[in-house]
C-alpha atoms as a PDB file:
ATOM      1  CA  MET A   1     -34.675  -0.638  -7.174  1.00  0.00           C
ATOM      2  CA  SER A   2     -31.318   0.246  -8.478  1.00  0.00           C
ATOM      3  CA  GLY A   3     -30.496  -0.700 -12.109  1.00  0.00           C
ATOM      4  CA  LEU A   4     -27.316  -2.144 -10.716  1.00  0.00           C
ATOM      5  CA  THR A   5     -29.043  -4.563  -8.267  1.00  0.00           C
ATOM      6  CA  GLY A   6     -27.581  -8.070  -8.731  1.00  0.00           C
ATOM      7  CA  ARG A   7     -24.359  -6.827 -10.246  1.00  0.00           C
ATOM      8  CA  SER A   8     -21.357  -8.307  -8.302  1.00  0.00           C
ATOM      9  CA  VAL A   9     -17.518  -7.856  -8.641  1.00  0.00           C
ATOM     10  CA  THR A  10     -14.416  -9.286  -7.072  1.00  0.00           C
ATOM     11  CA  VAL A  11     -11.469  -7.026  -6.422  1.00  0.00           C
ATOM     12  CA  ARG A  12      -7.890  -7.966  -5.659  1.00  0.00           C
ATOM     13  CA  VAL A  13      -5.421  -5.358  -4.366  1.00  0.00           C
ATOM     14  CA  PRO A  14      -1.758  -5.804  -3.294  1.00  0.00           C
ATOM     15  CA  ALA A  15      -0.011  -4.512  -0.227  1.00  0.00           C
ATOM     16  CA  THR A  16       2.430  -1.671  -0.702  1.00  0.00           C
ATOM     17  CA  SER A  17       5.615  -0.238   0.752  1.00  0.00           C
ATOM     18  CA  ALA A  18       6.155   3.397   0.450  1.00  0.00           C
ATOM     19  CA  ASN A  19       9.148   5.662   0.778  1.00  0.00           C
ATOM     20  CA  LEU A  20      11.763   2.849   0.215  1.00  0.00           C
ATOM     21  CA  GLY A  21      14.186   4.884   2.443  1.00  0.00           C
ATOM     22  CA  PRO A  22      14.933   8.078   0.612  1.00  0.00           C
ATOM     23  CA  GLY A  23      11.893   8.440  -1.824  1.00  0.00           C
ATOM     24  CA  PHE A  24       9.673  10.007   0.804  1.00  0.00           C
ATOM     25  CA  ASP A  25       5.926  10.487  -0.179  1.00  0.00           C
ATOM     26  CA  THR A  26       7.171   9.729  -3.873  1.00  0.00           C
ATOM     27  CA  LEU A  27       8.302   5.974  -4.387  1.00  0.00           C
ATOM     28  CA  GLY A  28       6.294   2.975  -3.845  1.00  0.00           C
ATOM     29  CA  LEU A  29       6.391  -0.694  -4.450  1.00  0.00           C
ATOM     30  CA  ALA A  30       3.478  -3.160  -4.791  1.00  0.00           C
ATOM     31  CA  LEU A  31       4.071  -6.529  -2.984  1.00  0.00           C
ATOM     32  CA  SER A  32       2.556  -9.996  -3.401  1.00  0.00           C
ATOM     33  CA  LEU A  33       0.208  -9.986  -0.424  1.00  0.00           C
ATOM     34  CA  TYR A  34      -3.533  -9.318  -1.144  1.00  0.00           C
ATOM     35  CA  ASP A  35      -6.826  -8.176   0.152  1.00  0.00           C
ATOM     36  CA  GLU A  36      -9.707  -9.573  -1.869  1.00  0.00           C
ATOM     37  CA  LEU A  37     -13.223  -8.114  -1.810  1.00  0.00           C
ATOM     38  CA  THR A  38     -16.453  -9.287  -3.306  1.00  0.00           C
ATOM     39  CA  VAL A  39     -19.052  -6.586  -3.745  1.00  0.00           C
ATOM     40  CA  THR A  40     -22.542  -6.949  -4.650  1.00  0.00           C
ATOM     41  CA  ALA A  41     -25.341  -4.342  -5.349  1.00  0.00           C
ATOM     42  CA  VAL A  42     -28.534  -5.187  -3.449  1.00  0.00           C
ATOM     43  CA  ASP A  43     -32.023  -3.640  -3.005  1.00  0.00           C
ATOM     44  CA  THR A  44     -31.672  -3.064   0.665  1.00  0.00           C
ATOM     45  CA  PRO A  45     -30.295   0.315   1.446  1.00  0.00           C
ATOM     46  CA  GLY A  46     -27.073   0.833   3.238  1.00  0.00           C
ATOM     47  CA  ALA A  47     -24.234  -1.483   3.601  1.00  0.00           C
ATOM     48  CA  VAL A  48     -23.335  -4.863   5.311  1.00  0.00           C
ATOM     49  CA  VAL A  49     -19.804  -5.776   5.530  1.00  0.00           C
ATOM     50  CA  GLU A  50     -18.482  -9.369   6.361  1.00  0.00           C
ATOM     51  CA  VAL A  51     -14.690  -9.442   7.178  1.00  0.00           C
ATOM     52  CA  HIS A  52     -12.453 -12.357   7.196  1.00  0.00           C
ATOM     53  CA  GLY A  53      -8.898 -12.602   8.147  1.00  0.00           C
ATOM     54  CA  VAL A  54      -7.118  -9.332   9.233  1.00  0.00           C
ATOM     55  CA  GLY A  55      -9.347  -6.835  10.864  1.00  0.00           C
ATOM     56  CA  GLU A  56     -12.256  -9.379  11.588  1.00  0.00           C
ATOM     57  CA  GLY A  57     -14.040  -8.069  14.585  1.00  0.00           C
ATOM     58  CA  GLU A  58     -12.167  -4.821  14.523  1.00  0.00           C
ATOM     59  CA  VAL A  59     -13.063  -2.750  11.507  1.00  0.00           C
ATOM     60  CA  PRO A  60     -16.582  -1.349  11.035  1.00  0.00           C
ATOM     61  CA  THR A  61     -19.170  -3.529   9.166  1.00  0.00           C
ATOM     62  CA  ASP A  62     -21.418  -0.689   8.189  1.00  0.00           C
ATOM     63  CA  GLU A  63     -21.461   2.481   6.053  1.00  0.00           C
ATOM     64  CA  THR A  64     -18.446   3.885   7.985  1.00  0.00           C
ATOM     65  CA  ASN A  65     -16.231   1.068   6.786  1.00  0.00           C
ATOM     66  CA  LEU A  66     -13.398   2.589   4.688  1.00  0.00           C
ATOM     67  CA  VAL A  67     -14.100   0.383   1.655  1.00  0.00           C
ATOM     68  CA  VAL A  68     -17.780   1.523   1.532  1.00  0.00           C
ATOM     69  CA  ARG A  69     -16.683   5.130   1.946  1.00  0.00           C
ATOM     70  CA  ALA A  70     -14.431   4.687  -1.079  1.00  0.00           C
ATOM     71  CA  ILE A  71     -17.283   3.145  -3.001  1.00  0.00           C
ATOM     72  CA  ALA A  72     -19.653   5.900  -1.993  1.00  0.00           C
ATOM     73  CA  HIS A  73     -16.992   8.649  -2.814  1.00  0.00           C
ATOM     74  CA  THR A  74     -16.530   7.256  -6.373  1.00  0.00           C
ATOM     75  CA  PHE A  75     -20.249   6.863  -7.063  1.00  0.00           C
ATOM     76  CA  ALA A  76     -20.728  10.491  -5.889  1.00  0.00           C
ATOM     77  CA  ALA A  77     -17.923  11.713  -8.072  1.00  0.00           C
ATOM     78  CA  ALA A  78     -19.372   9.960 -11.017  1.00  0.00           C
ATOM     79  CA  GLY A  79     -22.790  11.445 -10.360  1.00  0.00           C
ATOM     80  CA  GLN A  80     -24.350   8.142  -9.751  1.00  0.00           C
ATOM     81  CA  GLU A  81     -26.810   6.961  -7.067  1.00  0.00           C
ATOM     82  CA  LEU A  82     -25.350   4.449  -4.476  1.00  0.00           C
ATOM     83  CA  PRO A  83     -27.171   1.013  -4.487  1.00  0.00           C
ATOM     84  CA  GLY A  84     -27.385  -0.988  -1.290  1.00  0.00           C
ATOM     85  CA  LEU A  85     -24.199  -2.899  -0.830  1.00  0.00           C
ATOM     86  CA  ARG A  86     -23.039  -6.411   0.499  1.00  0.00           C
ATOM     87  CA  LEU A  87     -19.377  -6.812   0.928  1.00  0.00           C
ATOM     88  CA  VAL A  88     -17.282  -9.762   1.821  1.00  0.00           C
ATOM     89  CA  ALA A  89     -13.620  -8.783   2.634  1.00  0.00           C
ATOM     90  CA  ARG A  90     -10.888 -11.501   2.805  1.00  0.00           C
ATOM     91  CA  ASN A  91      -7.967  -9.531   4.174  1.00  0.00           C
ATOM     92  CA  SER A  92      -4.213 -10.486   4.372  1.00  0.00           C
ATOM     93  CA  ILE A  93      -2.550  -7.076   4.480  1.00  0.00           C
ATOM     94  CA  PRO A  94      -1.593  -6.236   8.205  1.00  0.00           C
ATOM     95  CA  HIS A  95      -3.325  -3.063   9.718  1.00  0.00           C
ATOM     96  CA  GLY A  96      -1.143  -0.288  11.137  1.00  0.00           C
ATOM     97  CA  ARG A  97       2.095  -1.773  10.086  1.00  0.00           C
ATOM     98  CA  GLY A  98       3.277   0.308   7.160  1.00  0.00           C
ATOM     99  CA  MET A  99       2.116  -2.025   4.358  1.00  0.00           C
ATOM    100  CA  GLY A 100      -0.460   0.211   2.885  1.00  0.00           C
ATOM    101  CA  SER A 101      -3.652  -1.290   4.375  1.00  0.00           C
ATOM    102  CA  SER A 102      -5.662   1.932   4.245  1.00  0.00           C
ATOM    103  CA  GLY A 103      -4.512   2.596   0.789  1.00  0.00           C
ATOM    104  CA  ALA A 104      -5.603  -0.883  -0.244  1.00  0.00           C
ATOM    105  CA  ALA A 105      -8.946  -0.501   1.346  1.00  0.00           C
ATOM    106  CA  ILE A 106      -9.442   2.835  -0.676  1.00  0.00           C
ATOM    107  CA  VAL A 107      -8.170   1.270  -3.822  1.00  0.00           C
ATOM    108  CA  SER A 108     -10.520  -1.772  -3.201  1.00  0.00           C
ATOM    109  CA  GLY A 109     -13.535   0.522  -2.977  1.00  0.00           C
ATOM    110  CA  VAL A 110     -12.546   2.695  -5.973  1.00  0.00           C
ATOM    111  CA  MET A 111     -12.059  -0.346  -8.120  1.00  0.00           C
ATOM    112  CA  ALA A 112     -15.367  -1.930  -6.909  1.00  0.00           C
ATOM    113  CA  ALA A 113     -17.251   1.164  -7.863  1.00  0.00           C
ATOM    114  CA  LYS A 114     -15.409   1.094 -11.230  1.00  0.00           C
ATOM    115  CA  GLY A 115     -16.544  -2.601 -11.704  1.00  0.00           C
ATOM    116  CA  LEU A 116     -20.132  -2.075 -10.677  1.00  0.00           C
ATOM    117  CA  LEU A 117     -20.462   0.913 -12.964  1.00  0.00           C
ATOM    118  CA  GLU A 118     -18.863  -0.760 -15.987  1.00  0.00           C
ATOM    119  CA  GLY A 119     -20.763   0.255 -19.021  1.00  0.00           C
ATOM    120  CA  VAL A 120     -22.312   3.218 -17.227  1.00  0.00           C
ATOM    121  CA  VAL A 121     -19.393   5.300 -16.439  1.00  0.00           C
ATOM    122  CA  GLU A 122     -15.779   4.652 -17.547  1.00  0.00           C
ATOM    123  CA  PHE A 123     -12.747   5.553 -15.309  1.00  0.00           C
ATOM    124  CA  ASP A 124      -9.205   6.033 -16.771  1.00  0.00           C
ATOM    125  CA  SER A 125      -6.054   5.438 -14.751  1.00  0.00           C
ATOM    126  CA  ASP A 126      -5.706   9.178 -13.960  1.00  0.00           C
ATOM    127  CA  ARG A 127      -9.321   9.433 -12.695  1.00  0.00           C
ATOM    128  CA  LEU A 128      -8.771   6.163 -10.487  1.00  0.00           C
ATOM    129  CA  LEU A 129      -5.524   7.707  -9.154  1.00  0.00           C
ATOM    130  CA  ALA A 130      -7.235  11.158  -8.293  1.00  0.00           C
ATOM    131  CA  LEU A 131     -10.207   9.515  -6.602  1.00  0.00           C
ATOM    132  CA  ALA A 132      -7.951   7.248  -4.366  1.00  0.00           C
ATOM    133  CA  THR A 133      -5.699  10.192  -3.590  1.00  0.00           C
ATOM    134  CA  GLU A 134      -8.588  12.404  -2.525  1.00  0.00           C
ATOM    135  CA  LEU A 135      -9.531   9.900   0.286  1.00  0.00           C
ATOM    136  CA  GLU A 136      -5.824   8.774   1.174  1.00  0.00           C
ATOM    137  CA  GLY A 137      -4.420  12.327   1.037  1.00  0.00           C
ATOM    138  CA  HIS A 138      -1.090  11.403  -0.955  1.00  0.00           C
ATOM    139  CA  PRO A 139      -0.427   9.107  -3.800  1.00  0.00           C
ATOM    140  CA  ASP A 140       2.639   7.134  -2.747  1.00  0.00           C
ATOM    141  CA  ASN A 141       0.632   4.074  -1.464  1.00  0.00           C
ATOM    142  CA  VAL A 142      -2.367   4.088  -3.770  1.00  0.00           C
ATOM    143  CA  ALA A 143      -0.398   4.351  -6.981  1.00  0.00           C
ATOM    144  CA  PRO A 144       1.456   0.991  -6.501  1.00  0.00           C
ATOM    145  CA  ALA A 145      -1.632  -0.478  -5.249  1.00  0.00           C
ATOM    146  CA  LEU A 146      -3.574   0.402  -8.363  1.00  0.00           C
ATOM    147  CA  PHE A 147      -0.948  -0.117 -11.055  1.00  0.00           C
ATOM    148  CA  GLY A 148       1.689  -2.451  -9.537  1.00  0.00           C
ATOM    149  CA  GLY A 149       5.492  -2.458  -9.833  1.00  0.00           C
ATOM    150  CA  LEU A 150       7.516   0.389  -8.723  1.00  0.00           C
ATOM    151  CA  THR A 151       5.651   3.767  -9.013  1.00  0.00           C
ATOM    152  CA  ILE A 152       6.891   7.354  -9.012  1.00  0.00           C
ATOM    153  CA  ALA A 153       4.105   9.566  -7.852  1.00  0.00           C
ATOM    154  CA  TRP A 154       4.112  13.376  -7.811  1.00  0.00           C
ATOM    155  CA  VAL A 155       1.207  15.990  -7.676  1.00  0.00           C
ATOM    156  CA  THR A 156       0.660  18.759 -10.119  1.00  0.00           C
ATOM    157  CA  GLU A 157      -1.927  21.614 -10.516  1.00  0.00           C
ATOM    158  CA  ASN A 158      -3.884  18.854 -12.503  1.00  0.00           C
ATOM    159  CA  GLY A 159      -3.801  16.385  -9.751  1.00  0.00           C
ATOM    160  CA  PRO A 160      -1.630  13.385  -8.834  1.00  0.00           C
ATOM    161  CA  GLN A 161       0.397  11.776 -11.502  1.00  0.00           C
ATOM    162  CA  HIS A 162       2.491   8.457 -11.594  1.00  0.00           C
ATOM    163  CA  LYS A 163       4.905   6.641 -13.611  1.00  0.00           C
ATOM    164  CA  LYS A 164       5.096   2.731 -13.349  1.00  0.00           C
ATOM    165  CA  LEU A 165       8.493   1.095 -13.747  1.00  0.00           C
ATOM    166  CA  ILE A 166       9.254  -2.733 -13.930  1.00  0.00           C
ATOM    167  CA  VAL A 167      11.577  -3.959 -11.192  1.00  0.00           C
ATOM    168  CA  HIS A 168      14.725  -5.801 -11.867  1.00  0.00           C
ATOM    169  CA  ARG A 169      13.983  -9.696 -11.575  1.00  0.00           C
ATOM    170  CA  GLY A 170      16.971  -9.928  -9.232  1.00  0.00           C
ATOM    171  CA  VAL A 171      15.157  -7.650  -6.539  1.00  0.00           C
ATOM    172  CA  ALA A 172      13.782  -9.780  -3.666  1.00  0.00           C
ATOM    173  CA  PRO A 173      11.607  -8.180  -1.161  1.00  0.00           C
ATOM    174  CA  LEU A 174      11.343  -9.355   2.513  1.00  0.00           C
ATOM    175  CA  VAL A 175       9.106  -7.556   4.962  1.00  0.00           C
ATOM    176  CA  PHE A 176       9.553  -7.958   8.891  1.00  0.00           C
ATOM    177  CA  VAL A 177       6.079  -7.453  10.473  1.00  0.00           C
ATOM    178  CA  PRO A 178       6.007  -6.840  14.290  1.00  0.00           C
ATOM    179  CA  GLU A 179       3.015  -7.502  16.553  1.00  0.00           C
ATOM    180  CA  HIS A 180       2.652  -3.862  17.447  1.00  0.00           C
ATOM    181  CA  THR A 181       1.259  -1.119  15.248  1.00  0.00           C
ATOM    182  CA  MET A 182       2.330   2.397  14.488  1.00  0.00           C
ATOM    183  CA  SER A 183      -0.023   5.384  13.674  1.00  0.00           C
ATOM    184  CA  THR A 184       0.726   7.022  10.332  1.00  0.00           C
ATOM    185  CA  ALA A 185      -0.358  10.328  11.887  1.00  0.00           C
ATOM    186  CA  LEU A 186       1.825  10.074  14.796  1.00  0.00           C
ATOM    187  CA  ALA A 187       4.781   9.133  12.439  1.00  0.00           C
ATOM    188  CA  ARG A 188       4.144  12.152  10.329  1.00  0.00           C
ATOM    189  CA  SER A 189       3.863  14.313  13.430  1.00  0.00           C
ATOM    190  CA  LEU A 190       7.332  13.670  14.252  1.00  0.00           C
ATOM    191  CA  GLN A 191       8.617  15.107  10.877  1.00  0.00           C
ATOM    192  CA  PRO A 192      10.372  18.659  11.098  1.00  0.00           C
ATOM    193  CA  GLU A 193       9.000  21.329   8.884  1.00  0.00           C
ATOM    194  CA  SER A 194      12.329  21.973   7.281  1.00  0.00           C
ATOM    195  CA  VAL A 195      15.480  20.067   6.908  1.00  0.00           C
ATOM    196  CA  PRO A 196      19.046  20.845   6.356  1.00  0.00           C
ATOM    197  CA  HIS A 197      20.107  21.798   2.824  1.00  0.00           C
ATOM    198  CA  GLN A 198      22.722  18.969   2.752  1.00  0.00           C
ATOM    199  CA  ASP A 199      20.086  16.511   3.826  1.00  0.00           C
ATOM    200  CA  ALA A 200      17.829  17.442   0.974  1.00  0.00           C
ATOM    201  CA  ILE A 201      20.722  17.083  -1.529  1.00  0.00           C
ATOM    202  CA  PHE A 202      21.600  13.714   0.052  1.00  0.00           C
ATOM    203  CA  ASN A 203      18.080  12.362  -0.407  1.00  0.00           C
ATOM    204  CA  VAL A 204      17.716  13.714  -4.139  1.00  0.00           C
ATOM    205  CA  SER A 205      20.849  11.960  -5.048  1.00  0.00           C
ATOM    206  CA  ARG A 206      19.848   8.615  -3.229  1.00  0.00           C
ATOM    207  CA  SER A 207      16.308   8.730  -4.705  1.00  0.00           C
ATOM    208  CA  ALA A 208      17.704   9.073  -8.262  1.00  0.00           C
ATOM    209  CA  LEU A 209      20.154   6.177  -7.514  1.00  0.00           C
ATOM    210  CA  LEU A 210      17.280   3.996  -5.996  1.00  0.00           C
ATOM    211  CA  VAL A 211      15.294   4.180  -9.135  1.00  0.00           C
ATOM    212  CA  ALA A 212      18.299   2.841 -11.030  1.00  0.00           C
ATOM    213  CA  ALA A 213      19.071   0.245  -8.552  1.00  0.00           C
ATOM    214  CA  LEU A 214      15.570  -1.201  -8.612  1.00  0.00           C
ATOM    215  CA  VAL A 215      15.346  -1.126 -12.347  1.00  0.00           C
ATOM    216  CA  GLN A 216      18.748  -2.038 -13.583  1.00  0.00           C
ATOM    217  CA  SER A 217      21.269  -2.459 -10.905  1.00  0.00           C
ATOM    218  CA  PRO A 218      20.247  -4.232  -7.682  1.00  0.00           C
ATOM    219  CA  GLU A 219      23.834  -4.388  -6.410  1.00  0.00           C
ATOM    220  CA  LEU A 220      23.515  -0.669  -5.587  1.00  0.00           C
ATOM    221  CA  LEU A 221      20.586  -1.016  -3.329  1.00  0.00           C
ATOM    222  CA  LEU A 222      22.401  -0.632   0.025  1.00  0.00           C
ATOM    223  CA  ALA A 223      23.714   2.676  -0.960  1.00  0.00           C
ATOM    224  CA  ALA A 224      20.622   3.809  -2.632  1.00  0.00           C
ATOM    225  CA  THR A 225      18.301   3.176   0.230  1.00  0.00           C
ATOM    226  CA  GLU A 226      20.080   5.616   2.632  1.00  0.00           C
ATOM    227  CA  ASP A 227      17.865   8.415   4.045  1.00  0.00           C
ATOM    228  CA  ARG A 228      18.160  11.591   5.948  1.00  0.00           C
ATOM    229  CA  LEU A 229      14.605  13.010   5.644  1.00  0.00           C
ATOM    230  CA  HIS A 230      12.375  11.053   7.814  1.00  0.00           C
ATOM    231  CA  GLN A 231      13.514   7.680   9.292  1.00  0.00           C
ATOM    232  CA  SER A 232      15.933   9.240  11.954  1.00  0.00           C
ATOM    233  CA  TYR A 233      13.188  11.612  13.101  1.00  0.00           C
ATOM    234  CA  ARG A 234      10.770   8.738  13.708  1.00  0.00           C
ATOM    235  CA  ALA A 235      13.304   6.330  15.300  1.00  0.00           C
ATOM    236  CA  ALA A 236      12.426   7.199  18.953  1.00  0.00           C
ATOM    237  CA  ALA A 237       8.791   6.219  18.400  1.00  0.00           C
ATOM    238  CA  MET A 238       9.745   2.729  17.161  1.00  0.00           C
ATOM    239  CA  PRO A 239      13.086   1.944  18.802  1.00  0.00           C
ATOM    240  CA  GLU A 240      13.121  -1.774  18.021  1.00  0.00           C
ATOM    241  CA  THR A 241      12.392  -0.957  14.288  1.00  0.00           C
ATOM    242  CA  ASN A 242      15.344   1.428  14.244  1.00  0.00           C
ATOM    243  CA  ARG A 243      17.685  -0.967  15.910  1.00  0.00           C
ATOM    244  CA  LEU A 244      17.001  -3.681  13.435  1.00  0.00           C
ATOM    245  CA  VAL A 245      17.264  -1.470  10.325  1.00  0.00           C
ATOM    246  CA  LEU A 246      20.569  -0.357  11.548  1.00  0.00           C
ATOM    247  CA  LEU A 247      21.764  -3.921  12.419  1.00  0.00           C
ATOM    248  CA  LEU A 248      20.583  -5.167   8.914  1.00  0.00           C
ATOM    249  CA  ARG A 249      22.385  -2.447   7.181  1.00  0.00           C
ATOM    250  CA  GLU A 250      25.478  -2.966   9.097  1.00  0.00           C
ATOM    251  CA  HIS A 251      25.380  -6.454   7.797  1.00  0.00           C
ATOM    252  CA  GLY A 252      25.112  -5.205   4.152  1.00  0.00           C
ATOM    253  CA  TYR A 253      21.253  -5.575   3.811  1.00  0.00           C
ATOM    254  CA  ALA A 254      19.250  -2.807   2.140  1.00  0.00           C
ATOM    255  CA  ALA A 255      16.912  -2.357   4.917  1.00  0.00           C
ATOM    256  CA  VAL A 256      14.402   0.556   5.445  1.00  0.00           C
ATOM    257  CA  VAL A 257      11.394   1.359   7.369  1.00  0.00           C
ATOM    258  CA  SER A 258       8.292   0.280   5.467  1.00  0.00           C
ATOM    259  CA  GLY A 259       5.937   3.251   4.912  1.00  0.00           C
ATOM    260  CA  ALA A 260       5.249   4.866   8.340  1.00  0.00           C
ATOM    261  CA  GLY A 261       6.404   1.781  10.221  1.00  0.00           C
ATOM    262  CA  PRO A 262       6.790  -0.263  12.402  1.00  0.00           C
ATOM    263  CA  SER A 263       7.370  -2.960   9.664  1.00  0.00           C
ATOM    264  CA  ILE A 264      10.768  -3.268   7.886  1.00  0.00           C
ATOM    265  CA  LEU A 265      11.458  -3.757   4.240  1.00  0.00           C
ATOM    266  CA  VAL A 266      14.540  -5.436   3.060  1.00  0.00           C
ATOM    267  CA  LEU A 267      15.306  -5.106  -0.643  1.00  0.00           C
ATOM    268  CA  GLY A 268      17.482  -8.065  -1.359  1.00  0.00           C
ATOM    269  CA  SER A 269      19.683  -8.126  -4.437  1.00  0.00           C
ATOM    270  CA  ASP A 270      19.011 -11.748  -4.721  1.00  0.00           C
ATOM    271  CA  PRO A 271      16.626 -14.295  -2.980  1.00  0.00           C
ATOM    272  CA  SER A 272      19.364 -16.021  -0.951  1.00  0.00           C
ATOM    273  CA  GLN A 273      19.906 -12.773   1.004  1.00  0.00           C
ATOM    274  CA  ARG A 274      16.566 -12.912   2.385  1.00  0.00           C
ATOM    275  CA  LEU A 275      17.186 -16.186   4.337  1.00  0.00           C
ATOM    276  CA  ALA A 276      20.178 -14.809   6.066  1.00  0.00           C
ATOM    277  CA  ALA A 277      18.502 -11.647   6.818  1.00  0.00           C
ATOM    278  CA  ALA A 278      15.621 -13.468   8.472  1.00  0.00           C
ATOM    279  CA  GLU A 279      17.999 -15.592  10.480  1.00  0.00           C
ATOM    280  CA  LEU A 280      19.903 -12.426  11.650  1.00  0.00           C
ATOM    281  CA  VAL A 281      16.540 -10.821  12.763  1.00  0.00           C
ATOM    282  CA  ALA A 282      15.405 -14.030  14.459  1.00  0.00           C
ATOM    283  CA  ALA A 283      18.717 -14.278  16.480  1.00  0.00           C
ATOM    284  CA  SER A 284      18.868 -10.555  17.360  1.00  0.00           C
ATOM    285  CA  SER A 285      15.399  -9.744  18.699  1.00  0.00           C
ATOM    286  CA  ASP A 286      13.534 -10.683  21.632  1.00  0.00           C
ATOM    287  CA  THR A 287      10.212  -9.797  20.256  1.00  0.00           C
ATOM    288  CA  PRO A 288       8.522 -11.717  17.484  1.00  0.00           C
ATOM    289  CA  TRP A 289       8.772 -10.447  13.781  1.00  0.00           C
ATOM    290  CA  GLN A 290       7.041 -12.285  11.138  1.00  0.00           C
ATOM    291  CA  ALA A 291       9.166 -12.714   8.029  1.00  0.00           C
ATOM    292  CA  LEU A 292       7.213 -12.335   4.677  1.00  0.00           C
ATOM    293  CA  MET A 293       9.347 -13.385   1.614  1.00  0.00           C
ATOM    294  CA  LEU A 294       7.310 -11.645  -1.019  1.00  0.00           C
ATOM    295  CA  ALA A 295       7.622 -10.855  -4.793  1.00  0.00           C
ATOM    296  CA  VAL A 296       7.011  -7.558  -6.401  1.00  0.00           C
ATOM    297  CA  ASP A 297       3.537  -7.422  -7.770  1.00  0.00           C
ATOM    298  CA  PHE A 298       3.452  -6.236 -11.425  1.00  0.00           C
ATOM    299  CA  LYS A 299      -0.329  -6.250 -12.068  1.00  0.00           C
ATOM    300  CA  GLY A 300      -1.683  -3.881  -9.434  1.00  0.00           C
ATOM    301  CA  ALA A 301      -5.424  -3.841  -8.540  1.00  0.00           C
ATOM    302  CA  THR A 302      -7.753  -6.007 -10.600  1.00  0.00           C
ATOM    303  CA  VAL A 303     -11.610  -6.176 -10.711  1.00  0.00           C
ATOM    304  CA  VAL A 304     -13.626  -9.012 -12.412  1.00  0.00           C
ATOM    305  CA  PRO A 305     -17.411  -9.446 -12.815  1.00  0.00           C
ATOM    306  CA  ASN A 306     -19.143 -12.197 -10.966  1.00  0.00           C
ATOM    307  CA  PRO A 307     -22.203 -14.042 -12.278  1.00  0.00           C
ATOM    308  CA  MET A 308     -25.462 -11.856 -11.762  1.00  0.00           C
ATOM    309  CA  GLU A 309     -27.086 -12.543  -8.465  1.00  0.00           C
ATOM    310  CA  SER A 310     -30.564 -12.186  -7.407  1.00  0.00           C
ATOM    311  CA  SER A 311     -31.585  -8.964  -5.303  1.00  0.00           C
ATOM    312  CA  ARG A 312     -31.441 -10.662  -1.813  1.00  0.00           C
ATOM    313  CA  SER A 313     -29.966  -8.530   0.880  1.00  0.00           C
END
């Protein structure tokens, strides 16, 4: 019997949008759409996963589940024996749409392990980011999922680092989510290994401007979200996304591909812009796009203990 048997925690993790146009693999934003997870340590070895909402009937419900793998990875890194696990997931973040669902699953597992090991092993923010990045491969989604707000992420010889910034209260995010999905691996495969010098300079300037626009000057968001590093190279793989991004921008909305796509993120400079942008997309597309009017999440991932349970499996 594990000494953790009966321990139970509930984790809440926000959706994220990475890149934000020019900030490729660097900038990420946490959004007010959440996956919730309850994890209980039990006597019976292995893992049993119950999924409600997004991914129900689709994602694995055993040890191969990404959340379970993240819990196991964190326990192993801490040198702790993994107990049997019972998980109940209530998912709202769309899968394969560029809203950080895999990053959220990984962060859910890392935070669940942190909660279960409370008082046994302590994890600081740098360790949490390192563990999540080891599984995700890059920190641009897991950083805002962990810490909330706008995050700048970079990697040093000492591992991934982050800086969290508070977004201007006038910034109003809107995400258009299509019915079709996009493979992140496919999207990345369309990237060239090198880009023209002028395009690199262009994106450096826009990325710097974007931080200023999001934190201080939302009126600069349209100019600040221009990109020459990745979106045009991926356009052929998601033509409807590309068409609508260009249409929205022509009408003055700061629209970008959300993460690897195919969802579209609009960074409104005030809430009223979102209604007009949603009307434009509804009138201009033959395929359904769900318009999610969200807020910026400032808290990031949370974990709270539940009352101790018996050791039933």
